[in-house]
């Protein structure tokens, strides 16, 4: 089954680190030619619902791919590409489970 990346979201408190992850993620998506809008939210309830204890959080197709750190642009691209690979392989759920630790 071939799934596409339909959503990329950055969740955070609104701090400079969270905003920087949002900006880098938008740039990464653009450089990867993804036709998806990167969303940013500061809704703490959404972060809690994901079961993560630190922000910022990066989700792809609703699955947590990163929490509590600010990687560089190259790493963000790798995360998005790995999510796309897992989506193509219909394995993103198991990958995200490992990422949540």
PDB file of N, CA and C in Angstrom:
ATOM      1  N   UNK A   1       0.849  -1.171   0.000  1.00  0.00           N
ATOM      2  CA  UNK A   1       0.000   0.000   0.000  1.00  0.00           C
ATOM      3  C   UNK A   1       0.895   1.234   0.000  1.00  0.00           C
ATOM      4  N   UNK A   2       0.608   2.183  -0.874  1.00  0.00           N
ATOM      5  CA  UNK A   2       1.413   3.378  -0.985  1.00  0.00           C
ATOM      6  C   UNK A   2       0.712   4.542  -0.306  1.00  0.00           C
ATOM      7  N   UNK A   3       1.241   4.984   0.802  1.00  0.00           N
ATOM      8  CA  UNK A   3       0.692   6.128   1.517  1.00  0.00           C
ATOM      9  C   UNK A   3       1.569   7.332   1.234  1.00  0.00           C
ATOM     10  N   UNK A   4       0.957   8.479   1.160  1.00  0.00           N
ATOM     11  CA  UNK A   4       1.700   9.712   0.981  1.00  0.00           C
ATOM     12  C   UNK A   4       1.745  10.466   2.303  1.00  0.00           C
ATOM     13  N   UNK A   5       2.707  11.364   2.417  1.00  0.00           N
ATOM     14  CA  UNK A   5       2.733  12.245   3.572  1.00  0.00           C
ATOM     15  C   UNK A   5       1.637  13.270   3.368  1.00  0.00           C
ATOM     16  N   UNK A   6       0.660  13.250   4.255  1.00  0.00           N
ATOM     17  CA  UNK A   6      -0.478  14.153   4.140  1.00  0.00           C
ATOM     18  C   UNK A   6      -0.452  15.269   5.168  1.00  0.00           C
ATOM     19  N   UNK A   7       0.357  15.097   6.221  1.00  0.00           N
ATOM     20  CA  UNK A   7       0.452  16.167   7.215  1.00  0.00           C
ATOM     21  C   UNK A   7       1.802  16.136   7.907  1.00  0.00           C
ATOM     22  N   UNK A   8       2.309  17.334   8.142  1.00  0.00           N
ATOM     23  CA  UNK A   8       3.516  17.526   8.945  1.00  0.00           C
ATOM     24  C   UNK A   8       3.162  18.607   9.941  1.00  0.00           C
ATOM     25  N   UNK A   9       3.416  18.327  11.209  1.00  0.00           N
ATOM     26  CA  UNK A   9       3.028  19.277  12.240  1.00  0.00           C
ATOM     27  C   UNK A   9       4.145  19.427  13.267  1.00  0.00           C
ATOM     28  N   UNK A  10       4.370  20.666  13.677  1.00  0.00           N
ATOM     29  CA  UNK A  10       5.275  20.960  14.772  1.00  0.00           C
ATOM     30  C   UNK A  10       4.411  21.453  15.922  1.00  0.00           C
ATOM     31  N   UNK A  11       4.599  20.852  17.081  1.00  0.00           N
ATOM     32  CA  UNK A  11       3.854  21.237  18.277  1.00  0.00           C
ATOM     33  C   UNK A  11       4.853  21.741  19.300  1.00  0.00           C
ATOM     34  N   UNK A  12       4.524  22.850  19.930  1.00  0.00           N
ATOM     35  CA  UNK A  12       5.438  23.386  20.920  1.00  0.00           C
ATOM     36  C   UNK A  12       4.785  24.440  21.780  1.00  0.00           C
ATOM     37  N   UNK A  13       5.593  25.001  22.673  1.00  0.00           N
ATOM     38  CA  UNK A  13       5.102  25.982  23.639  1.00  0.00           C
ATOM     39  C   UNK A  13       5.084  27.400  23.094  1.00  0.00           C
ATOM     40  N   UNK A  14       5.703  27.596  21.950  1.00  0.00           N
ATOM     41  CA  UNK A  14       5.824  28.938  21.404  1.00  0.00           C
ATOM     42  C   UNK A  14       7.187  29.547  21.684  1.00  0.00           C
ATOM     43  N   UNK A  15       8.056  28.775  22.291  1.00  0.00           N
ATOM     44  CA  UNK A  15       9.405  29.251  22.611  1.00  0.00           C
ATOM     45  C   UNK A  15      10.252  29.353  21.333  1.00  0.00           C
ATOM     46  N   UNK A  16      11.400  30.025  21.403  1.00  0.00           N
ATOM     47  CA  UNK A  16      12.255  30.157  20.225  1.00  0.00           C
ATOM     48  C   UNK A  16      12.692  28.817  19.623  1.00  0.00           C
ATOM     49  N   UNK A  17      12.944  27.813  20.448  1.00  0.00           N
ATOM     50  CA  UNK A  17      13.352  26.499  19.937  1.00  0.00           C
ATOM     51  C   UNK A  17      12.226  25.872  19.114  1.00  0.00           C
ATOM     52  N   UNK A  18      11.009  25.945  19.613  1.00  0.00           N
ATOM     53  CA  UNK A  18       9.862  25.381  18.897  1.00  0.00           C
ATOM     54  C   UNK A  18       9.638  26.108  17.576  1.00  0.00           C
ATOM     55  N   UNK A  19       9.739  27.422  17.615  1.00  0.00           N
ATOM     56  CA  UNK A  19       9.562  28.215  16.394  1.00  0.00           C
ATOM     57  C   UNK A  19      10.658  27.905  15.377  1.00  0.00           C
ATOM     58  N   UNK A  20      11.872  27.689  15.856  1.00  0.00           N
ATOM     59  CA  UNK A  20      12.989  27.356  14.961  1.00  0.00           C
ATOM     60  C   UNK A  20      12.758  26.002  14.298  1.00  0.00           C
ATOM     61  N   UNK A  21      12.263  25.021  15.060  1.00  0.00           N
ATOM     62  CA  UNK A  21      11.952  23.718  14.464  1.00  0.00           C
ATOM     63  C   UNK A  21      10.888  23.877  13.384  1.00  0.00           C
ATOM     64  N   UNK A  22       9.899  24.695  13.633  1.00  0.00           N
ATOM     65  CA  UNK A  22       8.851  24.951  12.650  1.00  0.00           C
ATOM     66  C   UNK A  22       9.449  25.541  11.374  1.00  0.00           C
ATOM     67  N   UNK A  23      10.292  26.552  11.511  1.00  0.00           N
ATOM     68  CA  UNK A  23      10.902  27.193  10.339  1.00  0.00           C
ATOM     69  C   UNK A  23      11.786  26.202   9.566  1.00  0.00           C
ATOM     70  N   UNK A  24      12.595  25.437  10.288  1.00  0.00           N
ATOM     71  CA  UNK A  24      13.459  24.447   9.625  1.00  0.00           C
ATOM     72  C   UNK A  24      12.635  23.352   8.943  1.00  0.00           C
ATOM     73  N   UNK A  25      11.543  22.946   9.570  1.00  0.00           N
ATOM     74  CA  UNK A  25      10.693  21.903   8.991  1.00  0.00           C
ATOM     75  C   UNK A  25      10.011  22.408   7.724  1.00  0.00           C
ATOM     76  N   UNK A  26       9.562  23.653   7.726  1.00  0.00           N
ATOM     77  CA  UNK A  26       8.976  24.234   6.511  1.00  0.00           C
ATOM     78  C   UNK A  26      10.011  24.258   5.388  1.00  0.00           C
ATOM     79  N   UNK A  27      11.232  24.650   5.722  1.00  0.00           N
ATOM     80  CA  UNK A  27      12.303  24.695   4.726  1.00  0.00           C
ATOM     81  C   UNK A  27      12.616  23.298   4.204  1.00  0.00           C
ATOM     82  N   UNK A  28      12.684  22.326   5.100  1.00  0.00           N
ATOM     83  CA  UNK A  28      12.962  20.946   4.693  1.00  0.00           C
ATOM     84  C   UNK A  28      11.883  20.424   3.757  1.00  0.00           C
ATOM     85  N   UNK A  29      10.624  20.665   4.094  1.00  0.00           N
ATOM     86  CA  UNK A  29       9.516  20.201   3.251  1.00  0.00           C
ATOM     87  C   UNK A  29       9.581  20.853   1.871  1.00  0.00           C
ATOM     88  N   UNK A  30       9.908  22.136   1.837  1.00  0.00           N
ATOM     89  CA  UNK A  30      10.017  22.840   0.560  1.00  0.00           C
ATOM     90  C   UNK A  30      11.170  22.282  -0.275  1.00  0.00           C
ATOM     91  N   UNK A  31      12.311  22.052   0.363  1.00  0.00           N
ATOM     92  CA  UNK A  31      13.471  21.522  -0.355  1.00  0.00           C
ATOM     93  C   UNK A  31      13.246  20.091  -0.837  1.00  0.00           C
ATOM     94  N   UNK A  32      12.372  19.364  -0.156  1.00  0.00           N
ATOM     95  CA  UNK A  32      12.028  17.998  -0.570  1.00  0.00           C
ATOM     96  C   UNK A  32      10.867  17.988  -1.578  1.00  0.00           C
ATOM     97  N   UNK A  33      10.392  19.184  -1.941  1.00  0.00           N
ATOM     98  CA  UNK A  33       9.284  19.334  -2.897  1.00  0.00           C
ATOM     99  C   UNK A  33       8.020  18.630  -2.449  1.00  0.00           C
ATOM    100  N   UNK A  34       7.754  18.642  -1.148  1.00  0.00           N
ATOM    101  CA  UNK A  34       6.528  18.033  -0.640  1.00  0.00           C
ATOM    102  C   UNK A  34       5.385  19.021  -0.797  1.00  0.00           C
ATOM    103  N   UNK A  35       4.280  18.538  -1.259  1.00  0.00           N
ATOM    104  CA  UNK A  35       3.096  19.379  -1.454  1.00  0.00           C
ATOM    105  C   UNK A  35       2.189  19.292  -0.233  1.00  0.00           C
ATOM    106  N   UNK A  36       2.759  19.603   0.918  1.00  0.00           N
ATOM    107  CA  UNK A  36       2.006  19.548   2.169  1.00  0.00           C
ATOM    108  C   UNK A  36       2.355  20.783   2.996  1.00  0.00           C
ATOM    109  N   UNK A  37       1.349  21.362   3.621  1.00  0.00           N
ATOM    110  CA  UNK A  37       1.577  22.518   4.468  1.00  0.00           C
ATOM    111  C   UNK A  37       2.051  22.052   5.838  1.00  0.00           C
ATOM    112  N   UNK A  38       3.131  22.648   6.314  1.00  0.00           N
ATOM    113  CA  UNK A  38       3.620  22.353   7.654  1.00  0.00           C
ATOM    114  C   UNK A  38       2.837  23.230   8.621  1.00  0.00           C
ATOM    115  N   UNK A  39       2.209  22.589   9.603  1.00  0.00           N
ATOM    116  CA  UNK A  39       1.392  23.306  10.578  1.00  0.00           C
ATOM    117  C   UNK A  39       2.169  23.481  11.886  1.00  0.00           C
ATOM    118  N   UNK A  40       1.809  24.533  12.610  1.00  0.00           N
ATOM    119  CA  UNK A  40       2.410  24.785  13.920  1.00  0.00           C
ATOM    120  C   UNK A  40       1.291  25.022  14.922  1.00  0.00           C
ATOM    121  N   UNK A  41       1.379  24.354  16.062  1.00  0.00           N
ATOM    122  CA  UNK A  41       0.368  24.558  17.105  1.00  0.00           C
ATOM    123  C   UNK A  41       1.033  24.650  18.469  1.00  0.00           C
ATOM    124  N   UNK A  42       0.434  25.442  19.321  1.00  0.00           N
ATOM    125  CA  UNK A  42       0.899  25.559  20.700  1.00  0.00           C
ATOM    126  C   UNK A  42      -0.121  24.954  21.664  1.00  0.00           C
ATOM    127  N   UNK A  43      -1.018  24.136  21.141  1.00  0.00           N
ATOM    128  CA  UNK A  43      -2.064  23.506  21.958  1.00  0.00           C
ATOM    129  C   UNK A  43      -1.453  22.404  22.825  1.00  0.00           C
ATOM    130  N   UNK A  44      -1.285  22.687  24.105  1.00  0.00           N
ATOM    131  CA  UNK A  44      -0.660  21.745  25.036  1.00  0.00           C
ATOM    132  C   UNK A  44      -1.436  20.437  25.124  1.00  0.00           C
ATOM    133  N   UNK A  45      -2.740  20.481  24.944  1.00  0.00           N
ATOM    134  CA  UNK A  45      -3.556  19.264  24.995  1.00  0.00           C
ATOM    135  C   UNK A  45      -3.186  18.305  23.865  1.00  0.00           C
ATOM    136  N   UNK A  46      -2.834  18.838  22.707  1.00  0.00           N
ATOM    137  CA  UNK A  46      -2.424  17.981  21.589  1.00  0.00           C
ATOM    138  C   UNK A  46      -1.090  17.302  21.900  1.00  0.00           C
ATOM    139  N   UNK A  47      -0.179  18.041  22.548  1.00  0.00           N
ATOM    140  CA  UNK A  47       1.111  17.455  22.927  1.00  0.00           C
ATOM    141  C   UNK A  47       0.886  16.343  23.947  1.00  0.00           C
ATOM    142  N   UNK A  48       0.055  16.600  24.931  1.00  0.00           N
ATOM    143  CA  UNK A  48      -0.261  15.597  25.952  1.00  0.00           C
ATOM    144  C   UNK A  48      -0.907  14.367  25.311  1.00  0.00           C
ATOM    145  N   UNK A  49      -1.803  14.593  24.356  1.00  0.00           N
ATOM    146  CA  UNK A  49      -2.485  13.484  23.686  1.00  0.00           C
ATOM    147  C   UNK A  49      -1.505  12.583  22.936  1.00  0.00           C
ATOM    148  N   UNK A  50      -0.380  13.151  22.496  1.00  0.00           N
ATOM    149  CA  UNK A  50       0.632  12.344  21.815  1.00  0.00           C
ATOM    150  C   UNK A  50       1.438  11.491  22.788  1.00  0.00           C
ATOM    151  N   UNK A  51       1.347  11.824  24.073  1.00  0.00           N
ATOM    152  CA  UNK A  51       2.058  11.049  25.083  1.00  0.00           C
ATOM    153  C   UNK A  51       3.523  11.406  25.209  1.00  0.00           C
ATOM    154  N   UNK A  52       3.909  12.575  24.736  1.00  0.00           N
ATOM    155  CA  UNK A  52       5.305  12.995  24.864  1.00  0.00           C
ATOM    156  C   UNK A  52       5.443  13.947  26.038  1.00  0.00           C
ATOM    157  N   UNK A  53       6.634  13.951  26.620  1.00  0.00           N
ATOM    158  CA  UNK A  53       6.849  14.743  27.824  1.00  0.00           C
ATOM    159  C   UNK A  53       7.665  16.007  27.572  1.00  0.00           C
ATOM    160  N   UNK A  54       8.131  16.213  26.355  1.00  0.00           N
ATOM    161  CA  UNK A  54       8.936  17.396  26.073  1.00  0.00           C
ATOM    162  C   UNK A  54       8.630  17.911  24.675  1.00  0.00           C
ATOM    163  N   UNK A  55       8.892  19.185  24.503  1.00  0.00           N
ATOM    164  CA  UNK A  55       8.674  19.792  23.200  1.00  0.00           C
ATOM    165  C   UNK A  55       9.993  20.422  22.752  1.00  0.00           C
ATOM    166  N   UNK A  56      10.117  20.721  21.490  1.00  0.00           N
ATOM    167  CA  UNK A  56       9.122  20.629  20.427  1.00  0.00           C
ATOM    168  C   UNK A  56       8.909  19.193  19.963  1.00  0.00           C
ATOM    169  N   UNK A  57       7.786  19.014  19.271  1.00  0.00           N
ATOM    170  CA  UNK A  57       7.413  17.708  18.741  1.00  0.00           C
ATOM    171  C   UNK A  57       7.215  17.856  17.230  1.00  0.00           C
ATOM    172  N   UNK A  58       7.721  16.896  16.483  1.00  0.00           N
ATOM    173  CA  UNK A  58       7.507  16.851  15.039  1.00  0.00           C
ATOM    174  C   UNK A  58       6.713  15.594  14.725  1.00  0.00           C
ATOM    175  N   UNK A  59       5.566  15.775  14.078  1.00  0.00           N
ATOM    176  CA  UNK A  59       4.773  14.618  13.664  1.00  0.00           C
ATOM    177  C   UNK A  59       4.648  14.595  12.153  1.00  0.00           C
ATOM    178  N   UNK A  60       4.586  13.391  11.626  1.00  0.00           N
ATOM    179  CA  UNK A  60       4.336  13.172  10.204  1.00  0.00           C
ATOM    180  C   UNK A  60       3.169  12.200  10.123  1.00  0.00           C
ATOM    181  N   UNK A  61       2.126  12.612   9.434  1.00  0.00           N
ATOM    182  CA  UNK A  61       0.892  11.817   9.336  1.00  0.00           C
ATOM    183  C   UNK A  61       0.368  11.433  10.725  1.00  0.00           C
ATOM    184  N   UNK A  62       0.525  12.347  11.677  1.00  0.00           N
ATOM    185  CA  UNK A  62       0.000  12.126  13.020  1.00  0.00           C
ATOM    186  C   UNK A  62       0.866  11.275  13.922  1.00  0.00           C
ATOM    187  N   UNK A  63       1.992  10.813  13.412  1.00  0.00           N
ATOM    188  CA  UNK A  63       2.881   9.958  14.196  1.00  0.00           C
ATOM    189  C   UNK A  63       4.076  10.761  14.683  1.00  0.00           C
ATOM    190  N   UNK A  64       4.416  10.627  15.953  1.00  0.00           N
ATOM    191  CA  UNK A  64       5.554  11.344  16.522  1.00  0.00           C
ATOM    192  C   UNK A  64       6.853  10.803  15.937  1.00  0.00           C
ATOM    193  N   UNK A  65       7.622  11.718  15.339  1.00  0.00           N
ATOM    194  CA  UNK A  65       8.904  11.343  14.747  1.00  0.00           C
ATOM    195  C   UNK A  65      10.081  11.932  15.526  1.00  0.00           C
ATOM    196  N   UNK A  66       9.803  12.974  16.333  1.00  0.00           N
ATOM    197  CA  UNK A  66      10.856  13.659  17.074  1.00  0.00           C
ATOM    198  C   UNK A  66      10.220  14.377  18.253  1.00  0.00           C
ATOM    199  N   UNK A  67      10.881  14.340  19.396  1.00  0.00           N
ATOM    200  CA  UNK A  67      10.380  15.073  20.560  1.00  0.00           C
ATOM    201  C   UNK A  67      11.555  15.544  21.408  1.00  0.00           C
ATOM    202  N   UNK A  68      11.500  16.808  21.805  1.00  0.00           N
ATOM    203  CA  UNK A  68      12.441  17.333  22.779  1.00  0.00           C
ATOM    204  C   UNK A  68      13.800  17.738  22.267  1.00  0.00           C
ATOM    205  N   UNK A  69      13.951  17.893  20.952  1.00  0.00           N
ATOM    206  CA  UNK A  69      15.251  18.327  20.450  1.00  0.00           C
ATOM    207  C   UNK A  69      15.076  19.176  19.200  1.00  0.00           C
ATOM    208  N   UNK A  70      16.154  19.849  18.823  1.00  0.00           N
ATOM    209  CA  UNK A  70      16.167  20.696  17.635  1.00  0.00           C
ATOM    210  C   UNK A  70      17.318  20.264  16.741  1.00  0.00           C
ATOM    211  N   UNK A  71      17.042  19.329  15.824  1.00  0.00           N
ATOM    212  CA  UNK A  71      18.095  18.890  14.917  1.00  0.00           C
ATOM    213  C   UNK A  71      18.331  19.933  13.825  1.00  0.00           C
ATOM    214  N   UNK A  72      19.393  19.723  13.060  1.00  0.00           N
ATOM    215  CA  UNK A  72      19.658  20.624  11.948  1.00  0.00           C
ATOM    216  C   UNK A  72      18.780  20.268  10.746  1.00  0.00           C
ATOM    217  N   UNK A  73      18.852  21.087   9.706  1.00  0.00           N
ATOM    218  CA  UNK A  73      18.017  20.915   8.527  1.00  0.00           C
ATOM    219  C   UNK A  73      18.215  19.537   7.888  1.00  0.00           C
ATOM    220  N   UNK A  74      19.457  19.099   7.793  1.00  0.00           N
ATOM    221  CA  UNK A  74      19.743  17.795   7.181  1.00  0.00           C
ATOM    222  C   UNK A  74      19.037  16.666   7.933  1.00  0.00           C
ATOM    223  N   UNK A  75      19.091  16.703   9.257  1.00  0.00           N
ATOM    224  CA  UNK A  75      18.457  15.658  10.069  1.00  0.00           C
ATOM    225  C   UNK A  75      16.938  15.696   9.927  1.00  0.00           C
ATOM    226  N   UNK A  76      16.364  16.896   9.862  1.00  0.00           N
ATOM    227  CA  UNK A  76      14.916  17.016   9.683  1.00  0.00           C
ATOM    228  C   UNK A  76      14.505  16.395   8.346  1.00  0.00           C
ATOM    229  N   UNK A  77      15.285  16.645   7.311  1.00  0.00           N
ATOM    230  CA  UNK A  77      15.001  16.025   6.008  1.00  0.00           C
ATOM    231  C   UNK A  77      15.062  14.511   6.117  1.00  0.00           C
ATOM    232  N   UNK A  78      16.071  14.006   6.821  1.00  0.00           N
ATOM    233  CA  UNK A  78      16.199  12.557   7.004  1.00  0.00           C
ATOM    234  C   UNK A  78      14.981  11.990   7.728  1.00  0.00           C
ATOM    235  N   UNK A  79      14.509  12.702   8.748  1.00  0.00           N
ATOM    236  CA  UNK A  79      13.337  12.252   9.507  1.00  0.00           C
ATOM    237  C   UNK A  79      12.115  12.199   8.598  1.00  0.00           C
ATOM    238  N   UNK A  80      11.924  13.247   7.808  1.00  0.00           N
ATOM    239  CA  UNK A  80      10.776  13.285   6.896  1.00  0.00           C
ATOM    240  C   UNK A  80      10.893  12.185   5.850  1.00  0.00           C
ATOM    241  N   UNK A  81      12.082  12.015   5.282  1.00  0.00           N
ATOM    242  CA  UNK A  81      12.268  10.963   4.275  1.00  0.00           C
ATOM    243  C   UNK A  81      12.071   9.578   4.875  1.00  0.00           C
ATOM    244  N   UNK A  82      12.528   9.375   6.109  1.00  0.00           N
ATOM    245  CA  UNK A  82      12.324   8.060   6.736  1.00  0.00           C
ATOM    246  C   UNK A  82      10.846   7.830   6.989  1.00  0.00           C
ATOM    247  N   UNK A  83      10.123   8.866   7.369  1.00  0.00           N
ATOM    248  CA  UNK A  83       8.678   8.730   7.565  1.00  0.00           C
ATOM    249  C   UNK A  83       8.006   8.391   6.248  1.00  0.00           C
ATOM    250  N   UNK A  84       8.473   9.005   5.173  1.00  0.00           N
ATOM    251  CA  UNK A  84       7.909   8.727   3.849  1.00  0.00           C
ATOM    252  C   UNK A  84       8.203   7.281   3.448  1.00  0.00           C
ATOM    253  N   UNK A  85       9.417   6.815   3.726  1.00  0.00           N
ATOM    254  CA  UNK A  85       9.776   5.423   3.421  1.00  0.00           C
ATOM    255  C   UNK A  85       8.883   4.474   4.203  1.00  0.00           C
ATOM    256  N   UNK A  86       8.722   4.739   5.504  1.00  0.00           N
ATOM    257  CA  UNK A  86       7.876   3.872   6.310  1.00  0.00           C
ATOM    258  C   UNK A  86       6.427   3.944   5.867  1.00  0.00           C
ATOM    259  N   UNK A  87       5.996   5.113   5.448  1.00  0.00           N
ATOM    260  CA  UNK A  87       4.626   5.242   4.944  1.00  0.00           C
ATOM    261  C   UNK A  87       4.469   4.386   3.688  1.00  0.00           C
ATOM    262  N   UNK A  88       5.483   4.437   2.807  1.00  0.00           N
ATOM    263  CA  UNK A  88       5.420   3.624   1.602  1.00  0.00           C
ATOM    264  C   UNK A  88       5.411   2.142   1.924  1.00  0.00           C
ATOM    265  N   UNK A  89       6.131   1.773   2.974  1.00  0.00           N
ATOM    266  CA  UNK A  89       6.199   0.365   3.364  1.00  0.00           C
ATOM    267  C   UNK A  89       5.061  -0.041   4.293  1.00  0.00           C
ATOM    268  N   UNK A  90       4.174   0.908   4.586  1.00  0.00           N
ATOM    269  CA  UNK A  90       3.051   0.669   5.507  1.00  0.00           C
ATOM    270  C   UNK A  90       3.558   0.261   6.886  1.00  0.00           C
ATOM    271  N   UNK A  91       4.674   0.891   7.334  1.00  0.00           N
ATOM    272  CA  UNK A  91       5.270   0.539   8.610  1.00  0.00           C
ATOM    273  C   UNK A  91       5.381   1.728   9.556  1.00  0.00           C
ATOM    274  N   UNK A  92       4.797   2.859   9.233  1.00  0.00           N
ATOM    275  CA  UNK A  92       5.028   4.055  10.043  1.00  0.00           C
ATOM    276  C   UNK A  92       4.560   3.880  11.486  1.00  0.00           C
ATOM    277  N   UNK A  93       3.502   3.117  11.720  1.00  0.00           N
ATOM    278  CA  UNK A  93       3.010   2.958  13.086  1.00  0.00           C
ATOM    279  C   UNK A  93       4.042   2.285  13.985  1.00  0.00           C
ATOM    280  N   UNK A  94       4.693   1.248  13.487  1.00  0.00           N
ATOM    281  CA  UNK A  94       5.672   0.567  14.326  1.00  0.00           C
ATOM    282  C   UNK A  94       6.895   1.438  14.539  1.00  0.00           C
ATOM    283  N   UNK A  95       7.289   2.212  13.541  1.00  0.00           N
ATOM    284  CA  UNK A  95       8.429   3.100  13.679  1.00  0.00           C
ATOM    285  C   UNK A  95       8.138   4.171  14.722  1.00  0.00           C
ATOM    286  N   UNK A  96       6.965   4.769  14.667  1.00  0.00           N
ATOM    287  CA  UNK A  96       6.612   5.820  15.611  1.00  0.00           C
ATOM    288  C   UNK A  96       6.531   5.272  17.039  1.00  0.00           C
ATOM    289  N   UNK A  97       6.111   4.025  17.186  1.00  0.00           N
ATOM    290  CA  UNK A  97       6.070   3.433  18.515  1.00  0.00           C
ATOM    291  C   UNK A  97       7.459   3.376  19.126  1.00  0.00           C
ATOM    292  N   UNK A  98       8.452   3.037  18.306  1.00  0.00           N
ATOM    293  CA  UNK A  98       9.817   2.993  18.800  1.00  0.00           C
ATOM    294  C   UNK A  98      10.315   4.385  19.150  1.00  0.00           C
ATOM    295  N   UNK A  99       9.937   5.372  18.341  1.00  0.00           N
ATOM    296  CA  UNK A  99      10.388   6.745  18.578  1.00  0.00           C
ATOM    297  C   UNK A  99       9.828   7.292  19.883  1.00  0.00           C
ATOM    298  N   UNK A 100       8.663   6.845  20.264  1.00  0.00           N
ATOM    299  CA  UNK A 100       8.061   7.339  21.502  1.00  0.00           C
ATOM    300  C   UNK A 100       8.754   6.778  22.735  1.00  0.00           C
ATOM    301  N   UNK A 101       9.412   5.610  22.564  1.00  0.00           N
ATOM    302  CA  UNK A 101      10.172   4.994  23.650  1.00  0.00           C
ATOM    303  C   UNK A 101       9.392   4.813  24.855  1.00  0.00           C
TER     304      UNK A 101
END
